[in-house]
Structure formats: C-alpha cells, structure tokens
Amino acid sequence: KMAEFLNLTQVKTSLKETILFDYYTAGFWWAKEMNFSLLQISGFMGLLNFALENLSSKRMTLGDNVKELERAVTGIRETESEEGGDLNLFSIDQGKAIIDFL
C-alpha cells in the first residue's frame, strides 16, 4: 500500500525507489510506535517529505536542515493554535523526538 500511495512502481528493481520506500516506511512505523494520531502521522509524513526536499532540491547541509525542521515543527504547532483549536499537532516532547529521529 505504501508503494502504491507513493506512486512507486519499480520498488523491486529500482534502487532509488527502494530507498524512498524504506525511508517513508521506516518513518511511518516510527510514528505509529510513538502512538501518533492519524493527524500527527500525516503531519510527520509531511515533515519527512520536507526534509527530503531540503536535501535533494535545496542541497541543504544536515545542520541547516535540522534548523529548518525545528522551525517547521514549531510552525505547525503555531498554525494549529492560530486556527482557534486547542489541539497542538505535536507536543514539545514529540517535537524533540521527531528532530532526534530525523
């Protein structure tokens, strides 16, 4: 299902697709093990994509990418608060765990 969702059609024969599949699958299962809600898993998967884009398209260093991810996690939390809801997408501890994982 993950390969289908990611539109990866050559996971068994393409090293690039296999790596992408492993990257997103490992992240998904880590988020599940952290007992993230479906909304949190969705947000986390977006962060995985954000990190990968920063590395591949923007050629960011690891340090710069971590700083951007910290801003993104904070931004997600602020965005949720600004919408009037009491729900923060990630707690501070979850945000720290996400940064550590990535």
C-alpha atoms as a PDB file:
ATOM      1  CA  LYS A   1       0.000   0.000   0.000  1.00  0.00           C
ATOM      2  CA  MET A   2       2.828   2.407   0.832  1.00  0.00           C
ATOM      3  CA  ALA A   3       4.485   1.897  -2.559  1.00  0.00           C
ATOM      4  CA  GLU A   4       1.156   2.438  -4.270  1.00  0.00           C
ATOM      5  CA  PHE A   5       0.469   5.602  -2.246  1.00  0.00           C
ATOM      6  CA  LEU A   6       3.922   6.962  -3.098  1.00  0.00           C
ATOM      7  CA  ASN A   7       3.412   6.011  -6.756  1.00  0.00           C
ATOM      8  CA  LEU A   8       6.488   3.793  -6.699  1.00  0.00           C
ATOM      9  CA  THR A   9       6.096   1.218  -9.432  1.00  0.00           C
ATOM     10  CA  GLN A  10       9.591  -0.294  -9.544  1.00  0.00           C
ATOM     11  CA  VAL A  11      10.412  -0.893  -5.873  1.00  0.00           C
ATOM     12  CA  LYS A  12      11.821  -4.352  -6.645  1.00  0.00           C
ATOM     13  CA  THR A  13      14.108  -3.200  -9.452  1.00  0.00           C
ATOM     14  CA  SER A  14      14.958   0.457  -8.772  1.00  0.00           C
ATOM     15  CA  LEU A  15      17.432   1.279  -6.015  1.00  0.00           C
ATOM     16  CA  LYS A  16      16.139   4.873  -5.820  1.00  0.00           C
ATOM     17  CA  GLU A  17      12.533   3.715  -5.366  1.00  0.00           C
ATOM     18  CA  THR A  18      13.584   1.100  -2.816  1.00  0.00           C
ATOM     19  CA  ILE A  19      15.389   3.758  -0.779  1.00  0.00           C
ATOM     20  CA  LEU A  20      12.378   6.091  -0.914  1.00  0.00           C
ATOM     21  CA  PHE A  21      10.089   3.246   0.075  1.00  0.00           C
ATOM     22  CA  ASP A  22      12.311   2.327   3.039  1.00  0.00           C
ATOM     23  CA  TYR A  23      12.619   5.986   4.115  1.00  0.00           C
ATOM     24  CA  TYR A  24       8.878   6.605   4.241  1.00  0.00           C
ATOM     25  CA  THR A  25       8.010   3.157   5.607  1.00  0.00           C
ATOM     26  CA  ALA A  26      10.529   3.491   8.460  1.00  0.00           C
ATOM     27  CA  GLY A  27       9.137   6.922   9.281  1.00  0.00           C
ATOM     28  CA  PHE A  28       5.555   5.703   9.198  1.00  0.00           C
ATOM     29  CA  TRP A  29       6.249   2.809  11.558  1.00  0.00           C
ATOM     30  CA  TRP A  30       8.249   5.022  13.898  1.00  0.00           C
ATOM     31  CA  ALA A  31       5.297   7.423  14.088  1.00  0.00           C
ATOM     32  CA  LYS A  32       2.957   4.503  14.778  1.00  0.00           C
ATOM     33  CA  GLU A  33       5.277   3.273  17.549  1.00  0.00           C
ATOM     34  CA  MET A  34       5.174   6.797  19.024  1.00  0.00           C
ATOM     35  CA  ASN A  35       1.367   6.406  19.164  1.00  0.00           C
ATOM     36  CA  PHE A  36       0.815   9.458  16.978  1.00  0.00           C
ATOM     37  CA  SER A  37      -2.766  10.164  15.964  1.00  0.00           C
ATOM     38  CA  LEU A  38      -3.690   9.948  12.279  1.00  0.00           C
ATOM     39  CA  LEU A  39      -3.386  13.731  12.015  1.00  0.00           C
ATOM     40  CA  GLN A  40       0.050  13.616  13.632  1.00  0.00           C
ATOM     41  CA  ILE A  41       1.181  10.793  11.346  1.00  0.00           C
ATOM     42  CA  SER A  42       0.065  12.845   8.367  1.00  0.00           C
ATOM     43  CA  GLY A  43       1.980  15.870   9.644  1.00  0.00           C
ATOM     44  CA  PHE A  44       5.039  13.748  10.348  1.00  0.00           C
ATOM     45  CA  MET A  45       4.976  12.265   6.856  1.00  0.00           C
ATOM     46  CA  GLY A  46       4.892  15.830   5.548  1.00  0.00           C
ATOM     47  CA  LEU A  47       7.975  16.592   7.636  1.00  0.00           C
ATOM     48  CA  LEU A  48       9.735  13.559   6.148  1.00  0.00           C
ATOM     49  CA  ASN A  49       8.951  14.886   2.689  1.00  0.00           C
ATOM     50  CA  PHE A  50      10.075  18.399   3.726  1.00  0.00           C
ATOM     51  CA  ALA A  51      13.420  17.054   4.981  1.00  0.00           C
ATOM     52  CA  LEU A  52      13.989  15.043   1.816  1.00  0.00           C
ATOM     53  CA  GLU A  53      13.155  18.024  -0.397  1.00  0.00           C
ATOM     54  CA  ASN A  54      15.565  20.219   1.574  1.00  0.00           C
ATOM     55  CA  LEU A  55      18.343  17.710   0.992  1.00  0.00           C
ATOM     56  CA  SER A  56      17.642  16.869  -2.627  1.00  0.00           C
ATOM     57  CA  SER A  57      16.375  20.117  -4.133  1.00  0.00           C
ATOM     58  CA  LYS A  58      17.908  22.796  -1.933  1.00  0.00           C
ATOM     59  CA  ARG A  59      21.114  20.842  -1.177  1.00  0.00           C
ATOM     60  CA  MET A  60      20.951  21.937   2.481  1.00  0.00           C
ATOM     61  CA  THR A  61      23.535  20.726   4.924  1.00  0.00           C
ATOM     62  CA  LEU A  62      22.370  18.435   7.700  1.00  0.00           C
ATOM     63  CA  GLY A  63      22.687  21.254  10.260  1.00  0.00           C
ATOM     64  CA  ASP A  64      20.647  23.690   8.159  1.00  0.00           C
ATOM     65  CA  ASN A  65      18.047  21.021   7.504  1.00  0.00           C
ATOM     66  CA  VAL A  66      17.658  20.289  11.231  1.00  0.00           C
ATOM     67  CA  LYS A  67      17.176  24.022  11.881  1.00  0.00           C
ATOM     68  CA  GLU A  68      14.502  24.166   9.171  1.00  0.00           C
ATOM     69  CA  LEU A  69      12.775  21.116  10.634  1.00  0.00           C
ATOM     70  CA  GLU A  70      12.761  22.715  14.086  1.00  0.00           C
ATOM     71  CA  ARG A  71      11.110  25.788  12.569  1.00  0.00           C
ATOM     72  CA  ALA A  72       8.618  23.601  10.717  1.00  0.00           C
ATOM     73  CA  VAL A  73       7.635  21.674  13.863  1.00  0.00           C
ATOM     74  CA  THR A  74       7.198  24.954  15.718  1.00  0.00           C
ATOM     75  CA  GLY A  75       5.315  26.421  12.784  1.00  0.00           C
ATOM     76  CA  ILE A  76       2.920  23.506  12.689  1.00  0.00           C
ATOM     77  CA  ARG A  77       2.237  23.923  16.391  1.00  0.00           C
ATOM     78  CA  GLU A  78       1.689  27.690  15.968  1.00  0.00           C
ATOM     79  CA  THR A  79      -0.515  27.208  12.912  1.00  0.00           C
ATOM     80  CA  GLU A  80      -2.779  24.797  14.757  1.00  0.00           C
ATOM     81  CA  SER A  81      -3.077  27.226  17.693  1.00  0.00           C
ATOM     82  CA  GLU A  82      -3.841  30.164  15.432  1.00  0.00           C
ATOM     83  CA  GLU A  83      -6.767  28.340  13.894  1.00  0.00           C
ATOM     84  CA  GLY A  84      -8.543  28.625  17.204  1.00  0.00           C
ATOM     85  CA  GLY A  85      -8.253  24.993  18.219  1.00  0.00           C
ATOM     86  CA  ASP A  86      -6.774  23.818  21.495  1.00  0.00           C
ATOM     87  CA  LEU A  87      -5.055  20.975  19.676  1.00  0.00           C
ATOM     88  CA  ASN A  88      -1.334  21.258  19.051  1.00  0.00           C
ATOM     89  CA  LEU A  89      -0.202  18.875  16.372  1.00  0.00           C
ATOM     90  CA  PHE A  90       2.877  17.818  18.340  1.00  0.00           C
ATOM     91  CA  SER A  91       3.791  18.272  21.971  1.00  0.00           C
ATOM     92  CA  ILE A  92       7.208  19.696  22.828  1.00  0.00           C
ATOM     93  CA  ASP A  93       8.451  16.202  23.731  1.00  0.00           C
ATOM     94  CA  GLN A  94       7.107  14.788  20.468  1.00  0.00           C
ATOM     95  CA  GLY A  95       8.777  17.615  18.547  1.00  0.00           C
ATOM     96  CA  LYS A  96      12.086  16.826  20.208  1.00  0.00           C
ATOM     97  CA  ALA A  97      11.654  13.128  19.422  1.00  0.00           C
ATOM     98  CA  ILE A  98      10.921  13.979  15.782  1.00  0.00           C
ATOM     99  CA  ILE A  99      14.068  16.072  15.490  1.00  0.00           C
ATOM    100  CA  ASP A 100      16.084  13.300  17.149  1.00  0.00           C
ATOM    101  CA  PHE A 101      14.613  10.709  14.785  1.00  0.00           C
ATOM    102  CA  LEU A 102      15.336  12.761  11.699  1.00  0.00           C
END
